[in-house]
Amino acid sequence: METLEFVIYPDGRVQEKVTGIVGASCEEVTAAIEAQLGRVIAHEPTSEYFAQQTISPSETVNTQATFSDW
């Protein structure tokens, strides 16, 4: 279940917490809301943000070092 939780502090700060969205797609979900709320001071990715991120074959890098390279 996808949830967005907002805590609004007396000084006007807003804390946003996103749960149930895996990967970086949470940034797409919250972009419009954050644009309306104002300046974003910090982002703290959760473990769900890093879950199931795959590397495509074009992003894979193979390296091999030999003593002659040093």
C-alpha atoms as a PDB file:
ATOM      1  CA  MET A   1       0.000   0.000   0.000  1.00  0.00           C
ATOM      2  CA  GLU A   2       1.413   3.371  -1.030  1.00  0.00           C
ATOM      3  CA  THR A   3       1.149   6.117   1.558  1.00  0.00           C
ATOM      4  CA  LEU A   4       2.239   9.732   1.827  1.00  0.00           C
ATOM      5  CA  GLU A   5       2.437  11.129   5.337  1.00  0.00           C
ATOM      6  CA  PHE A   6       2.843  14.843   6.067  1.00  0.00           C
ATOM      7  CA  VAL A   7       3.746  16.448   9.372  1.00  0.00           C
ATOM      8  CA  ILE A   8       3.247  20.218   9.456  1.00  0.00           C
ATOM      9  CA  TYR A   9       5.189  21.967  12.214  1.00  0.00           C
ATOM     10  CA  PRO A  10       4.107  25.234  13.892  1.00  0.00           C
ATOM     11  CA  ASP A  11       6.975  27.100  12.193  1.00  0.00           C
ATOM     12  CA  GLY A  12       5.674  26.065   8.735  1.00  0.00           C
ATOM     13  CA  ARG A  13       8.104  23.267   7.991  1.00  0.00           C
ATOM     14  CA  VAL A  14       6.594  20.188   6.374  1.00  0.00           C
ATOM     15  CA  GLN A  15       7.999  16.697   6.754  1.00  0.00           C
ATOM     16  CA  GLU A  16       6.970  14.230   4.082  1.00  0.00           C
ATOM     17  CA  LYS A  17       7.319  10.460   4.442  1.00  0.00           C
ATOM     18  CA  VAL A  18       6.659   8.073   1.551  1.00  0.00           C
ATOM     19  CA  THR A  19       6.129   4.358   2.127  1.00  0.00           C
ATOM     20  CA  GLY A  20       5.130   1.507  -0.127  1.00  0.00           C
ATOM     21  CA  ILE A  21       6.860   2.806  -3.253  1.00  0.00           C
ATOM     22  CA  VAL A  22       9.947   0.878  -4.339  1.00  0.00           C
ATOM     23  CA  GLY A  23      12.809   2.595  -6.126  1.00  0.00           C
ATOM     24  CA  ALA A  24      13.191   6.144  -7.318  1.00  0.00           C
ATOM     25  CA  SER A  25       9.610   6.375  -8.611  1.00  0.00           C
ATOM     26  CA  CYS A  26       8.662   8.005  -5.293  1.00  0.00           C
ATOM     27  CA  GLU A  27      10.419  11.143  -6.574  1.00  0.00           C
ATOM     28  CA  GLU A  28       8.000  11.236  -9.512  1.00  0.00           C
ATOM     29  CA  VAL A  29       5.018  10.802  -7.193  1.00  0.00           C
ATOM     30  CA  THR A  30       6.055  13.606  -4.843  1.00  0.00           C
ATOM     31  CA  ALA A  31       7.501  16.126  -7.330  1.00  0.00           C
ATOM     32  CA  ALA A  32       4.267  18.042  -7.908  1.00  0.00           C
ATOM     33  CA  ILE A  33       3.439  18.142  -4.206  1.00  0.00           C
ATOM     34  CA  GLU A  34       6.921  19.369  -3.288  1.00  0.00           C
ATOM     35  CA  ALA A  35       6.719  22.078  -5.958  1.00  0.00           C
ATOM     36  CA  GLN A  36       3.556  23.416  -4.304  1.00  0.00           C
ATOM     37  CA  LEU A  37       4.907  23.161  -0.758  1.00  0.00           C
ATOM     38  CA  GLY A  38       8.035  25.227  -1.389  1.00  0.00           C
ATOM     39  CA  ARG A  39      11.787  24.775  -1.052  1.00  0.00           C
ATOM     40  CA  VAL A  40      13.015  21.252  -0.279  1.00  0.00           C
ATOM     41  CA  ILE A  41      15.733  21.339   2.363  1.00  0.00           C
ATOM     42  CA  ALA A  42      16.687  17.660   2.525  1.00  0.00           C
ATOM     43  CA  HIS A  43      15.926  14.211   1.147  1.00  0.00           C
ATOM     44  CA  GLU A  44      16.561  11.051   3.161  1.00  0.00           C
ATOM     45  CA  PRO A  45      16.081   7.920   1.031  1.00  0.00           C
ATOM     46  CA  THR A  46      14.665   4.892   2.856  1.00  0.00           C
ATOM     47  CA  SER A  47      15.545   1.247   2.320  1.00  0.00           C
ATOM     48  CA  GLU A  48      12.562   1.014  -0.061  1.00  0.00           C
ATOM     49  CA  TYR A  49      14.269   3.580  -2.306  1.00  0.00           C
ATOM     50  CA  PHE A  50      17.251   1.266  -2.754  1.00  0.00           C
ATOM     51  CA  ALA A  51      15.231  -1.954  -3.052  1.00  0.00           C
ATOM     52  CA  GLN A  52      15.121  -3.803  -6.374  1.00  0.00           C
ATOM     53  CA  GLN A  53      17.229  -1.340  -8.301  1.00  0.00           C
ATOM     54  CA  THR A  54      18.688  -3.236 -11.208  1.00  0.00           C
ATOM     55  CA  ILE A  55      21.700  -2.493 -13.333  1.00  0.00           C
ATOM     56  CA  SER A  56      21.206  -2.803 -17.050  1.00  0.00           C
ATOM     57  CA  PRO A  57      23.936  -4.546 -19.073  1.00  0.00           C
ATOM     58  CA  SER A  58      24.990  -1.209 -20.581  1.00  0.00           C
ATOM     59  CA  GLU A  59      25.763   0.082 -17.076  1.00  0.00           C
ATOM     60  CA  THR A  60      27.921  -2.895 -16.124  1.00  0.00           C
ATOM     61  CA  VAL A  61      31.635  -2.183 -16.082  1.00  0.00           C
ATOM     62  CA  ASN A  62      34.248  -4.917 -16.033  1.00  0.00           C
ATOM     63  CA  THR A  63      37.763  -3.979 -15.047  1.00  0.00           C
ATOM     64  CA  GLN A  64      40.936  -5.962 -14.795  1.00  0.00           C
ATOM     65  CA  ALA A  65      44.129  -4.570 -13.303  1.00  0.00           C
ATOM     66  CA  THR A  66      47.557  -6.039 -13.799  1.00  0.00           C
ATOM     67  CA  PHE A  67      50.851  -5.133 -12.230  1.00  0.00           C
ATOM     68  CA  SER A  68      51.902  -3.366 -15.434  1.00  0.00           C
ATOM     69  CA  ASP A  69      48.979  -0.931 -14.938  1.00  0.00           C
ATOM     70  CA  TRP A  70      50.455   0.280 -11.658  1.00  0.00           C
END
